[in-house]
C-alpha atoms as a PDB file:
ATOM      1  CA  MET A   1     -56.895 -28.055  97.380  1.00  0.00           C
ATOM      2  CA  LYS A   2     -60.110 -26.049  97.736  1.00  0.00           C
ATOM      3  CA  VAL A   3     -58.506 -23.885 100.432  1.00  0.00           C
ATOM      4  CA  LEU A   4     -55.536 -23.112  98.196  1.00  0.00           C
ATOM      5  CA  THR A   5     -57.822 -22.225  95.284  1.00  0.00           C
ATOM      6  CA  ALA A   6     -59.920 -19.919  97.486  1.00  0.00           C
ATOM      7  CA  PHE A   7     -56.770 -18.273  98.849  1.00  0.00           C
ATOM      8  CA  VAL A   8     -55.364 -17.638  95.357  1.00  0.00           C
ATOM      9  CA  GLN A   9     -58.707 -16.251  94.151  1.00  0.00           C
ATOM     10  CA  THR A  10     -58.853 -13.902  97.135  1.00  0.00           C
ATOM     11  CA  ILE A  11     -55.337 -12.616  96.474  1.00  0.00           C
ATOM     12  CA  VAL A  12     -56.127 -12.076  92.780  1.00  0.00           C
ATOM     13  CA  LEU A  13     -59.378 -10.230  93.562  1.00  0.00           C
ATOM     14  CA  LEU A  14     -57.684  -7.981  96.112  1.00  0.00           C
ATOM     15  CA  SER A  15     -54.870  -7.230  93.672  1.00  0.00           C
ATOM     16  CA  VAL A  16     -57.309  -6.311  90.906  1.00  0.00           C
ATOM     17  CA  ALA A  17     -59.317  -4.121  93.294  1.00  0.00           C
ATOM     18  CA  MET A  18     -56.202  -2.274  94.447  1.00  0.00           C
ATOM     19  CA  VAL A  19     -54.929  -1.680  90.919  1.00  0.00           C
ATOM     20  CA  SER A  20     -58.272  -0.572  89.473  1.00  0.00           C
ATOM     21  CA  HIS A  21     -59.189   1.766  92.351  1.00  0.00           C
ATOM     22  CA  PRO A  22     -58.411   5.446  91.619  1.00  0.00           C
ATOM     23  CA  SER A  23     -55.878   7.015  93.909  1.00  0.00           C
ATOM     24  CA  ARG A  24     -56.962   9.371  96.663  1.00  0.00           C
ATOM     25  CA  ALA A  25     -55.239  12.297  94.955  1.00  0.00           C
ATOM     26  CA  ALA A  26     -57.202  11.692  91.766  1.00  0.00           C
ATOM     27  CA  ARG A  27     -60.496  11.629  93.683  1.00  0.00           C
ATOM     28  CA  LEU A  28     -59.702  14.858  95.505  1.00  0.00           C
ATOM     29  CA  GLY A  29     -58.538  16.652  92.383  1.00  0.00           C
ATOM     30  CA  THR A  30     -55.566  18.915  92.152  1.00  0.00           C
ATOM     31  CA  ARG A  31     -54.868  21.381  94.917  1.00  0.00           C
ATOM     32  CA  PRO A  32     -52.811  24.547  94.601  1.00  0.00           C
ATOM     33  CA  ALA A  33     -49.425  24.576  96.231  1.00  0.00           C
ATOM     34  CA  LEU A  34     -48.976  26.606  99.392  1.00  0.00           C
ATOM     35  CA  SER A  35     -46.921  29.146  97.463  1.00  0.00           C
ATOM     36  CA  GLN A  36     -49.918  29.718  95.167  1.00  0.00           C
ATOM     37  CA  SER A  37     -52.209  30.510  98.081  1.00  0.00           C
ATOM     38  CA  PRO A  38     -53.520  34.089  97.846  1.00  0.00           C
ATOM     39  CA  THR A  39     -52.739  34.972 101.469  1.00  0.00           C
ATOM     40  CA  THR A  40     -49.975  33.123 103.241  1.00  0.00           C
ATOM     41  CA  THR A  41     -48.686  34.422 106.557  1.00  0.00           C
ATOM     42  CA  VAL A  42     -46.117  32.968 108.895  1.00  0.00           C
ATOM     43  CA  ARG A  43     -46.334  33.668 112.622  1.00  0.00           C
ATOM     44  CA  SER A  44     -43.160  34.483 114.511  1.00  0.00           C
ATOM     45  CA  ALA A  45     -44.581  33.207 117.835  1.00  0.00           C
ATOM     46  CA  PRO A  46     -46.892  30.276 118.644  1.00  0.00           C
ATOM     47  CA  ILE A  47     -50.570  30.830 119.356  1.00  0.00           C
ATOM     48  CA  THR A  48     -51.364  30.825 123.073  1.00  0.00           C
ATOM     49  CA  VAL A  49     -54.586  30.258 124.979  1.00  0.00           C
ATOM     50  CA  GLY A  50     -56.875  33.259 124.635  1.00  0.00           C
ATOM     51  CA  ASP A  51     -55.383  34.534 121.374  1.00  0.00           C
ATOM     52  CA  MET A  52     -57.854  35.575 118.705  1.00  0.00           C
ATOM     53  CA  ALA A  53     -57.803  33.153 115.775  1.00  0.00           C
ATOM     54  CA  PRO A  54     -56.762  34.656 112.456  1.00  0.00           C
ATOM     55  CA  ASP A  55     -59.590  35.154 110.002  1.00  0.00           C
ATOM     56  CA  PHE A  56     -59.736  32.716 107.080  1.00  0.00           C
ATOM     57  CA  THR A  57     -62.279  31.497 104.562  1.00  0.00           C
ATOM     58  CA  LEU A  58     -63.332  27.897 103.960  1.00  0.00           C
ATOM     59  CA  GLU A  59     -66.033  26.242 101.888  1.00  0.00           C
ATOM     60  CA  ASP A  60     -68.702  24.105 103.526  1.00  0.00           C
ATOM     61  CA  GLN A  61     -70.211  20.976 101.987  1.00  0.00           C
ATOM     62  CA  ASN A  62     -72.582  23.153  99.915  1.00  0.00           C
ATOM     63  CA  LYS A  63     -69.724  25.311  98.514  1.00  0.00           C
ATOM     64  CA  ASN A  64     -70.780  28.322 100.637  1.00  0.00           C
ATOM     65  CA  LYS A  65     -67.978  30.553 101.937  1.00  0.00           C
ATOM     66  CA  VAL A  66     -67.639  30.443 105.740  1.00  0.00           C
ATOM     67  CA  THR A  67     -65.387  32.600 107.933  1.00  0.00           C
ATOM     68  CA  PRO A  68     -64.923  32.534 111.711  1.00  0.00           C
ATOM     69  CA  SER A  69     -65.622  36.268 111.873  1.00  0.00           C
ATOM     70  CA  ASP A  70     -69.196  35.606 110.656  1.00  0.00           C
ATOM     71  CA  ALA A  71     -69.950  33.666 113.858  1.00  0.00           C
ATOM     72  CA  ARG A  72     -67.713  35.639 116.227  1.00  0.00           C
ATOM     73  CA  GLY A  73     -69.768  37.061 119.080  1.00  0.00           C
ATOM     74  CA  LYS A  74     -72.867  35.054 118.124  1.00  0.00           C
ATOM     75  CA  SER A  75     -71.751  31.587 119.168  1.00  0.00           C
ATOM     76  CA  PRO A  76     -68.564  29.717 120.026  1.00  0.00           C
ATOM     77  CA  VAL A  77     -66.445  28.711 117.048  1.00  0.00           C
ATOM     78  CA  VAL A  78     -64.900  25.242 117.147  1.00  0.00           C
ATOM     79  CA  LEU A  79     -62.517  24.117 114.436  1.00  0.00           C
ATOM     80  CA  VAL A  80     -61.864  20.377 114.288  1.00  0.00           C
ATOM     81  CA  PHE A  81     -59.253  18.709 112.096  1.00  0.00           C
ATOM     82  CA  TYR A  82     -60.042  15.068 111.381  1.00  0.00           C
ATOM     83  CA  ARG A  83     -56.809  13.122 111.147  1.00  0.00           C
ATOM     84  CA  GLY A  84     -58.319  10.241 109.178  1.00  0.00           C
ATOM     85  CA  TYR A  85     -57.301   7.256 111.266  1.00  0.00           C
ATOM     86  CA  TRP A  86     -60.075   5.062 109.946  1.00  0.00           C
END
């Protein structure tokens, strides 16, 4: 009987936690659609090894604007996309 009670309590607690937790979209805020992006370009051919990366602007964790052209020639630029498999 104690095992059944503990199991039911666990299920109830997990259900409450899942329902009360804000969704990922709400935590990230709203993002503009791709069509609202100020500069959207579509390549007609795939990027090959040795091609120069197109210039773009991103924000770092401190909200500073960062572009690959700022570091070009000074140090290698590595862009990593985390897929979020955790």
